[in-house]
């Protein structure tokens, strides 16, 4: 899995490529926590995501709960 980060204004866009599974989910979770500490918005671009397991879905749900307190989260593609 590869995660590319783009910051614009007070929003963070993470482009996720490859497989999001039990092995790679902690990497995405850490990236979200590190990059979104003060962000108002999180945009996850999943166009190049090949596979997502329940562990990956757990990370997305956790990110939604975090961002709901700070602003917004959006899934695209």
PDB file of N, CA and C in Angstrom:
ATOM      1  N   UNK A   1       0.842  -1.170   0.000  1.00  0.00           N
ATOM      2  CA  UNK A   1       0.000   0.000   0.000  1.00  0.00           C
ATOM      3  C   UNK A   1       0.889   1.236   0.000  1.00  0.00           C
ATOM      4  N   UNK A   2       0.450   2.229  -0.736  1.00  0.00           N
ATOM      5  CA  UNK A   2       1.121   3.524  -0.796  1.00  0.00           C
ATOM      6  C   UNK A   2       0.114   4.598  -0.437  1.00  0.00           C
ATOM      7  N   UNK A   3       0.536   5.560   0.382  1.00  0.00           N
ATOM      8  CA  UNK A   3      -0.322   6.684   0.749  1.00  0.00           C
ATOM      9  C   UNK A   3       0.407   7.966   0.376  1.00  0.00           C
ATOM     10  N   UNK A   4      -0.207   8.748  -0.502  1.00  0.00           N
ATOM     11  CA  UNK A   4       0.341  10.048  -0.893  1.00  0.00           C
ATOM     12  C   UNK A   4      -0.468  11.136  -0.205  1.00  0.00           C
ATOM     13  N   UNK A   5       0.229  12.110   0.352  1.00  0.00           N
ATOM     14  CA  UNK A   5      -0.400  13.179   1.122  1.00  0.00           C
ATOM     15  C   UNK A   5      -0.306  14.504   0.386  1.00  0.00           C
ATOM     16  N   UNK A   6      -1.416  15.222   0.386  1.00  0.00           N
ATOM     17  CA  UNK A   6      -1.453  16.569  -0.190  1.00  0.00           C
ATOM     18  C   UNK A   6      -2.205  17.466   0.780  1.00  0.00           C
ATOM     19  N   UNK A   7      -1.561  18.569   1.169  1.00  0.00           N
ATOM     20  CA  UNK A   7      -2.192  19.523   2.073  1.00  0.00           C
ATOM     21  C   UNK A   7      -2.533  20.787   1.290  1.00  0.00           C
ATOM     22  N   UNK A   8      -3.782  21.219   1.441  1.00  0.00           N
ATOM     23  CA  UNK A   8      -4.233  22.426   0.768  1.00  0.00           C
ATOM     24  C   UNK A   8      -5.177  23.166   1.712  1.00  0.00           C
ATOM     25  N   UNK A   9      -4.861  24.437   1.969  1.00  0.00           N
ATOM     26  CA  UNK A   9      -5.588  25.216   2.970  1.00  0.00           C
ATOM     27  C   UNK A   9      -5.526  24.465   4.288  1.00  0.00           C
ATOM     28  N   UNK A  10      -6.643  24.133   4.877  1.00  0.00           N
ATOM     29  CA  UNK A  10      -6.632  23.388   6.137  1.00  0.00           C
ATOM     30  C   UNK A  10      -7.204  21.983   5.937  1.00  0.00           C
ATOM     31  N   UNK A  11      -7.056  21.471   4.697  1.00  0.00           N
ATOM     32  CA  UNK A  11      -7.546  20.141   4.362  1.00  0.00           C
ATOM     33  C   UNK A  11      -6.395  19.229   3.972  1.00  0.00           C
ATOM     34  N   UNK A  12      -6.555  17.956   4.247  1.00  0.00           N
ATOM     35  CA  UNK A  12      -5.557  16.947   3.893  1.00  0.00           C
ATOM     36  C   UNK A  12      -6.221  15.947   2.953  1.00  0.00           C
ATOM     37  N   UNK A  13      -5.563  15.694   1.819  1.00  0.00           N
ATOM     38  CA  UNK A  13      -6.032  14.668   0.888  1.00  0.00           C
ATOM     39  C   UNK A  13      -5.038  13.521   0.913  1.00  0.00           C
ATOM     40  N   UNK A  14      -5.535  12.326   1.204  1.00  0.00           N
ATOM     41  CA  UNK A  14      -4.711  11.126   1.201  1.00  0.00           C
ATOM     42  C   UNK A  14      -5.159  10.246   0.045  1.00  0.00           C
ATOM     43  N   UNK A  15      -4.239   9.940  -0.856  1.00  0.00           N
ATOM     44  CA  UNK A  15      -4.509   9.041  -1.969  1.00  0.00           C
ATOM     45  C   UNK A  15      -3.942   7.680  -1.602  1.00  0.00           C
ATOM     46  N   UNK A  16      -4.827   6.693  -1.511  1.00  0.00           N
ATOM     47  CA  UNK A  16      -4.437   5.359  -1.062  1.00  0.00           C
ATOM     48  C   UNK A  16      -4.387   4.435  -2.272  1.00  0.00           C
ATOM     49  N   UNK A  17      -3.267   3.734  -2.441  1.00  0.00           N
ATOM     50  CA  UNK A  17      -3.084   2.814  -3.561  1.00  0.00           C
ATOM     51  C   UNK A  17      -2.716   1.427  -3.045  1.00  0.00           C
ATOM     52  N   UNK A  18      -3.241   0.408  -3.700  1.00  0.00           N
ATOM     53  CA  UNK A  18      -2.870  -0.957  -3.352  1.00  0.00           C
ATOM     54  C   UNK A  18      -3.905  -1.645  -2.485  1.00  0.00           C
ATOM     55  N   UNK A  19      -3.431  -2.412  -1.526  1.00  0.00           N
ATOM     56  CA  UNK A  19      -4.289  -3.209  -0.653  1.00  0.00           C
ATOM     57  C   UNK A  19      -4.305  -2.623   0.762  1.00  0.00           C
ATOM     58  N   UNK A  20      -5.496  -2.441   1.291  1.00  0.00           N
ATOM     59  CA  UNK A  20      -5.663  -1.976   2.667  1.00  0.00           C
ATOM     60  C   UNK A  20      -6.200  -3.153   3.463  1.00  0.00           C
ATOM     61  N   UNK A  21      -5.305  -3.800   4.196  1.00  0.00           N
ATOM     62  CA  UNK A  21      -5.668  -5.017   4.914  1.00  0.00           C
ATOM     63  C   UNK A  21      -5.069  -4.999   6.313  1.00  0.00           C
ATOM     64  N   UNK A  22      -5.071  -6.130   6.953  1.00  0.00           N
ATOM     65  CA  UNK A  22      -4.588  -6.229   8.336  1.00  0.00           C
ATOM     66  C   UNK A  22      -3.148  -5.751   8.481  1.00  0.00           C
ATOM     67  N   UNK A  23      -2.336  -6.018   7.496  1.00  0.00           N
ATOM     68  CA  UNK A  23      -0.929  -5.632   7.543  1.00  0.00           C
ATOM     69  C   UNK A  23      -0.722  -4.140   7.333  1.00  0.00           C
ATOM     70  N   UNK A  24      -1.488  -3.545   6.429  1.00  0.00           N
ATOM     71  CA  UNK A  24      -1.255  -2.144   6.063  1.00  0.00           C
ATOM     72  C   UNK A  24      -2.165  -1.148   6.777  1.00  0.00           C
ATOM     73  N   UNK A  25      -3.232  -1.617   7.390  1.00  0.00           N
ATOM     74  CA  UNK A  25      -4.174  -0.716   8.074  1.00  0.00           C
ATOM     75  C   UNK A  25      -3.495   0.150   9.145  1.00  0.00           C
ATOM     76  N   UNK A  26      -2.581  -0.405   9.960  1.00  0.00           N
ATOM     77  CA  UNK A  26      -1.916   0.458  10.959  1.00  0.00           C
ATOM     78  C   UNK A  26      -1.119   1.603  10.335  1.00  0.00           C
ATOM     79  N   UNK A  27      -0.578   1.396   9.141  1.00  0.00           N
ATOM     80  CA  UNK A  27       0.168   2.458   8.462  1.00  0.00           C
ATOM     81  C   UNK A  27      -0.768   3.607   8.095  1.00  0.00           C
ATOM     82  N   UNK A  28      -1.931   3.285   7.534  1.00  0.00           N
ATOM     83  CA  UNK A  28      -2.897   4.328   7.191  1.00  0.00           C
ATOM     84  C   UNK A  28      -3.412   5.023   8.441  1.00  0.00           C
ATOM     85  N   UNK A  29      -3.679   4.276   9.484  1.00  0.00           N
ATOM     86  CA  UNK A  29      -4.167   4.861  10.738  1.00  0.00           C
ATOM     87  C   UNK A  29      -3.156   5.856  11.298  1.00  0.00           C
ATOM     88  N   UNK A  30      -1.874   5.497  11.283  1.00  0.00           N
ATOM     89  CA  UNK A  30      -0.832   6.391  11.784  1.00  0.00           C
ATOM     90  C   UNK A  30      -0.727   7.639  10.904  1.00  0.00           C
ATOM     91  N   UNK A  31      -0.818   7.451   9.598  1.00  0.00           N
ATOM     92  CA  UNK A  31      -0.753   8.588   8.679  1.00  0.00           C
ATOM     93  C   UNK A  31      -1.906   9.550   8.929  1.00  0.00           C
ATOM     94  N   UNK A  32      -3.107   9.010   9.093  1.00  0.00           N
ATOM     95  CA  UNK A  32      -4.272   9.857   9.367  1.00  0.00           C
ATOM     96  C   UNK A  32      -4.076  10.616  10.674  1.00  0.00           C
ATOM     97  N   UNK A  33      -3.649   9.926  11.710  1.00  0.00           N
ATOM     98  CA  UNK A  33      -3.448  10.580  13.010  1.00  0.00           C
ATOM     99  C   UNK A  33      -2.369  11.652  12.950  1.00  0.00           C
ATOM    100  N   UNK A  34      -1.277  11.377  12.233  1.00  0.00           N
ATOM    101  CA  UNK A  34      -0.176  12.345  12.137  1.00  0.00           C
ATOM    102  C   UNK A  34      -0.544  13.562  11.296  1.00  0.00           C
ATOM    103  N   UNK A  35      -1.180  13.330  10.154  1.00  0.00           N
ATOM    104  CA  UNK A  35      -1.444  14.408   9.205  1.00  0.00           C
ATOM    105  C   UNK A  35      -2.674  15.240   9.557  1.00  0.00           C
ATOM    106  N   UNK A  36      -3.592  14.693  10.335  1.00  0.00           N
ATOM    107  CA  UNK A  36      -4.881  15.370  10.570  1.00  0.00           C
ATOM    108  C   UNK A  36      -5.042  15.914  11.987  1.00  0.00           C
ATOM    109  N   UNK A  37      -3.950  16.128  12.676  1.00  0.00           N
ATOM    110  CA  UNK A  37      -4.053  16.630  14.044  1.00  0.00           C
ATOM    111  C   UNK A  37      -4.800  17.951  14.118  1.00  0.00           C
ATOM    112  N   UNK A  38      -4.544  18.846  13.168  1.00  0.00           N
ATOM    113  CA  UNK A  38      -5.191  20.155  13.196  1.00  0.00           C
ATOM    114  C   UNK A  38      -6.014  20.436  11.940  1.00  0.00           C
ATOM    115  N   UNK A  39      -6.160  19.451  11.081  1.00  0.00           N
ATOM    116  CA  UNK A  39      -6.885  19.648   9.819  1.00  0.00           C
ATOM    117  C   UNK A  39      -8.382  19.776  10.071  1.00  0.00           C
ATOM    118  N   UNK A  40      -9.031  20.599   9.254  1.00  0.00           N
ATOM    119  CA  UNK A  40     -10.489  20.722   9.315  1.00  0.00           C
ATOM    120  C   UNK A  40     -11.164  19.694   8.424  1.00  0.00           C
ATOM    121  N   UNK A  41     -10.450  19.257   7.387  1.00  0.00           N
ATOM    122  CA  UNK A  41     -11.043  18.307   6.463  1.00  0.00           C
ATOM    123  C   UNK A  41     -10.080  17.212   6.061  1.00  0.00           C
ATOM    124  N   UNK A  42     -10.606  16.012   5.903  1.00  0.00           N
ATOM    125  CA  UNK A  42      -9.847  14.865   5.424  1.00  0.00           C
ATOM    126  C   UNK A  42     -10.563  14.327   4.199  1.00  0.00           C
ATOM    127  N   UNK A  43      -9.841  14.235   3.103  1.00  0.00           N
ATOM    128  CA  UNK A  43     -10.386  13.668   1.870  1.00  0.00           C
ATOM    129  C   UNK A  43      -9.563  12.426   1.558  1.00  0.00           C
ATOM    130  N   UNK A  44     -10.240  11.300   1.441  1.00  0.00           N
ATOM    131  CA  UNK A  44      -9.575  10.046   1.110  1.00  0.00           C
ATOM    132  C   UNK A  44      -9.929   9.675  -0.322  1.00  0.00           C
ATOM    133  N   UNK A  45      -8.924   9.657  -1.181  1.00  0.00           N
ATOM    134  CA  UNK A  45      -9.112   9.283  -2.583  1.00  0.00           C
ATOM    135  C   UNK A  45      -8.784   7.791  -2.705  1.00  0.00           C
ATOM    136  N   UNK A  46      -9.806   6.995  -2.976  1.00  0.00           N
ATOM    137  CA  UNK A  46      -9.648   5.532  -3.001  1.00  0.00           C
ATOM    138  C   UNK A  46      -9.690   4.966  -4.423  1.00  0.00           C
ATOM    139  N   UNK A  47      -9.457   5.799  -5.416  1.00  0.00           N
ATOM    140  CA  UNK A  47      -9.536   5.354  -6.809  1.00  0.00           C
ATOM    141  C   UNK A  47      -8.588   4.196  -7.102  1.00  0.00           C
ATOM    142  N   UNK A  48      -7.402   4.223  -6.560  1.00  0.00           N
ATOM    143  CA  UNK A  48      -6.396   3.197  -6.847  1.00  0.00           C
ATOM    144  C   UNK A  48      -6.325   2.120  -5.769  1.00  0.00           C
ATOM    145  N   UNK A  49      -7.329   2.081  -4.901  1.00  0.00           N
ATOM    146  CA  UNK A  49      -7.373   1.041  -3.869  1.00  0.00           C
ATOM    147  C   UNK A  49      -7.889  -0.246  -4.504  1.00  0.00           C
ATOM    148  N   UNK A  50      -7.093  -1.313  -4.430  1.00  0.00           N
ATOM    149  CA  UNK A  50      -7.449  -2.591  -5.055  1.00  0.00           C
ATOM    150  C   UNK A  50      -8.310  -3.462  -4.155  1.00  0.00           C
ATOM    151  N   UNK A  51      -8.095  -3.338  -2.844  1.00  0.00           N
ATOM    152  CA  UNK A  51      -8.763  -4.245  -1.898  1.00  0.00           C
ATOM    153  C   UNK A  51      -8.833  -3.560  -0.548  1.00  0.00           C
ATOM    154  N   UNK A  52      -9.928  -3.798   0.183  1.00  0.00           N
ATOM    155  CA  UNK A  52     -10.040  -3.301   1.557  1.00  0.00           C
ATOM    156  C   UNK A  52     -10.657  -4.402   2.410  1.00  0.00           C
ATOM    157  N   UNK A  53     -10.006  -4.696   3.515  1.00  0.00           N
ATOM    158  CA  UNK A  53     -10.505  -5.713   4.445  1.00  0.00           C
ATOM    159  C   UNK A  53     -11.274  -5.033   5.576  1.00  0.00           C
ATOM    160  N   UNK A  54     -11.781  -5.830   6.484  1.00  0.00           N
ATOM    161  CA  UNK A  54     -12.498  -5.278   7.634  1.00  0.00           C
ATOM    162  C   UNK A  54     -11.571  -4.430   8.502  1.00  0.00           C
ATOM    163  N   UNK A  55     -10.286  -4.755   8.536  1.00  0.00           N
ATOM    164  CA  UNK A  55      -9.326  -3.939   9.290  1.00  0.00           C
ATOM    165  C   UNK A  55      -9.209  -2.551   8.658  1.00  0.00           C
ATOM    166  N   UNK A  56      -9.241  -2.494   7.340  1.00  0.00           N
ATOM    167  CA  UNK A  56      -9.209  -1.210   6.642  1.00  0.00           C
ATOM    168  C   UNK A  56     -10.469  -0.412   6.877  1.00  0.00           C
ATOM    169  N   UNK A  57     -11.608  -1.090   6.873  1.00  0.00           N
ATOM    170  CA  UNK A  57     -12.876  -0.410   7.156  1.00  0.00           C
ATOM    171  C   UNK A  57     -12.887   0.164   8.566  1.00  0.00           C
ATOM    172  N   UNK A  58     -12.283  -0.547   9.508  1.00  0.00           N
ATOM    173  CA  UNK A  58     -12.195  -0.061  10.886  1.00  0.00           C
ATOM    174  C   UNK A  58     -11.412   1.250  10.940  1.00  0.00           C
ATOM    175  N   UNK A  59     -10.335   1.337  10.170  1.00  0.00           N
ATOM    176  CA  UNK A  59      -9.538   2.568  10.119  1.00  0.00           C
ATOM    177  C   UNK A  59     -10.369   3.718   9.554  1.00  0.00           C
ATOM    178  N   UNK A  60     -11.137   3.445   8.500  1.00  0.00           N
ATOM    179  CA  UNK A  60     -11.982   4.492   7.913  1.00  0.00           C
ATOM    180  C   UNK A  60     -13.047   4.968   8.893  1.00  0.00           C
ATOM    181  N   UNK A  61     -13.644   4.045   9.628  1.00  0.00           N
ATOM    182  CA  UNK A  61     -14.651   4.435  10.622  1.00  0.00           C
ATOM    183  C   UNK A  61     -14.032   5.246  11.757  1.00  0.00           C
ATOM    184  N   UNK A  62     -12.842   4.852  12.185  1.00  0.00           N
ATOM    185  CA  UNK A  62     -12.137   5.608  13.218  1.00  0.00           C
ATOM    186  C   UNK A  62     -11.795   7.016  12.749  1.00  0.00           C
ATOM    187  N   UNK A  63     -11.389   7.128  11.489  1.00  0.00           N
ATOM    188  CA  UNK A  63     -11.074   8.441  10.923  1.00  0.00           C
ATOM    189  C   UNK A  63     -12.322   9.316  10.868  1.00  0.00           C
ATOM    190  N   UNK A  64     -13.449   8.713  10.523  1.00  0.00           N
ATOM    191  CA  UNK A  64     -14.714   9.472  10.476  1.00  0.00           C
ATOM    192  C   UNK A  64     -15.069  10.017  11.858  1.00  0.00           C
ATOM    193  N   UNK A  65     -14.927   9.203  12.880  1.00  0.00           N
ATOM    194  CA  UNK A  65     -15.231   9.665  14.248  1.00  0.00           C
ATOM    195  C   UNK A  65     -14.307  10.812  14.647  1.00  0.00           C
ATOM    196  N   UNK A  66     -13.024  10.681  14.312  1.00  0.00           N
ATOM    197  CA  UNK A  66     -12.054  11.728  14.642  1.00  0.00           C
ATOM    198  C   UNK A  66     -12.388  13.022  13.910  1.00  0.00           C
ATOM    199  N   UNK A  67     -12.647  12.918  12.612  1.00  0.00           N
ATOM    200  CA  UNK A  67     -12.869  14.114  11.809  1.00  0.00           C
ATOM    201  C   UNK A  67     -14.227  14.746  12.056  1.00  0.00           C
ATOM    202  N   UNK A  68     -15.170  13.981  12.522  1.00  0.00           N
ATOM    203  CA  UNK A  68     -16.485  14.530  12.850  1.00  0.00           C
ATOM    204  C   UNK A  68     -16.361  15.582  13.960  1.00  0.00           C
ATOM    205  N   UNK A  69     -15.392  15.409  14.836  1.00  0.00           N
ATOM    206  CA  UNK A  69     -15.160  16.376  15.917  1.00  0.00           C
ATOM    207  C   UNK A  69     -14.402  17.609  15.421  1.00  0.00           C
ATOM    208  N   UNK A  70     -13.616  17.445  14.357  1.00  0.00           N
ATOM    209  CA  UNK A  70     -12.765  18.523  13.880  1.00  0.00           C
ATOM    210  C   UNK A  70     -13.318  19.260  12.668  1.00  0.00           C
ATOM    211  N   UNK A  71     -14.152  18.586  11.907  1.00  0.00           N
ATOM    212  CA  UNK A  71     -14.638  19.184  10.660  1.00  0.00           C
ATOM    213  C   UNK A  71     -15.381  18.164   9.835  1.00  0.00           C
ATOM    214  N   UNK A  72     -14.716  17.647   8.786  1.00  0.00           N
ATOM    215  CA  UNK A  72     -15.400  16.707   7.899  1.00  0.00           C
ATOM    216  C   UNK A  72     -14.438  15.683   7.328  1.00  0.00           C
ATOM    217  N   UNK A  73     -14.990  14.596   6.841  1.00  0.00           N
ATOM    218  CA  UNK A  73     -14.238  13.586   6.096  1.00  0.00           C
ATOM    219  C   UNK A  73     -15.055  13.244   4.860  1.00  0.00           C
ATOM    220  N   UNK A  74     -14.360  13.070   3.746  1.00  0.00           N
ATOM    221  CA  UNK A  74     -15.022  12.743   2.484  1.00  0.00           C
ATOM    222  C   UNK A  74     -14.257  11.617   1.796  1.00  0.00           C
ATOM    223  N   UNK A  75     -14.987  10.618   1.303  1.00  0.00           N
ATOM    224  CA  UNK A  75     -14.408   9.571   0.474  1.00  0.00           C
ATOM    225  C   UNK A  75     -14.715   9.902  -0.978  1.00  0.00           C
ATOM    226  N   UNK A  76     -13.694   9.848  -1.827  1.00  0.00           N
ATOM    227  CA  UNK A  76     -13.929  10.098  -3.243  1.00  0.00           C
ATOM    228  C   UNK A  76     -13.371   8.951  -4.076  1.00  0.00           C
ATOM    229  N   UNK A  77     -13.935   8.821  -5.273  1.00  0.00           N
ATOM    230  CA  UNK A  77     -13.526   7.794  -6.239  1.00  0.00           C
ATOM    231  C   UNK A  77     -13.691   6.414  -5.686  1.00  0.00           C
TER     232      UNK A  77
END
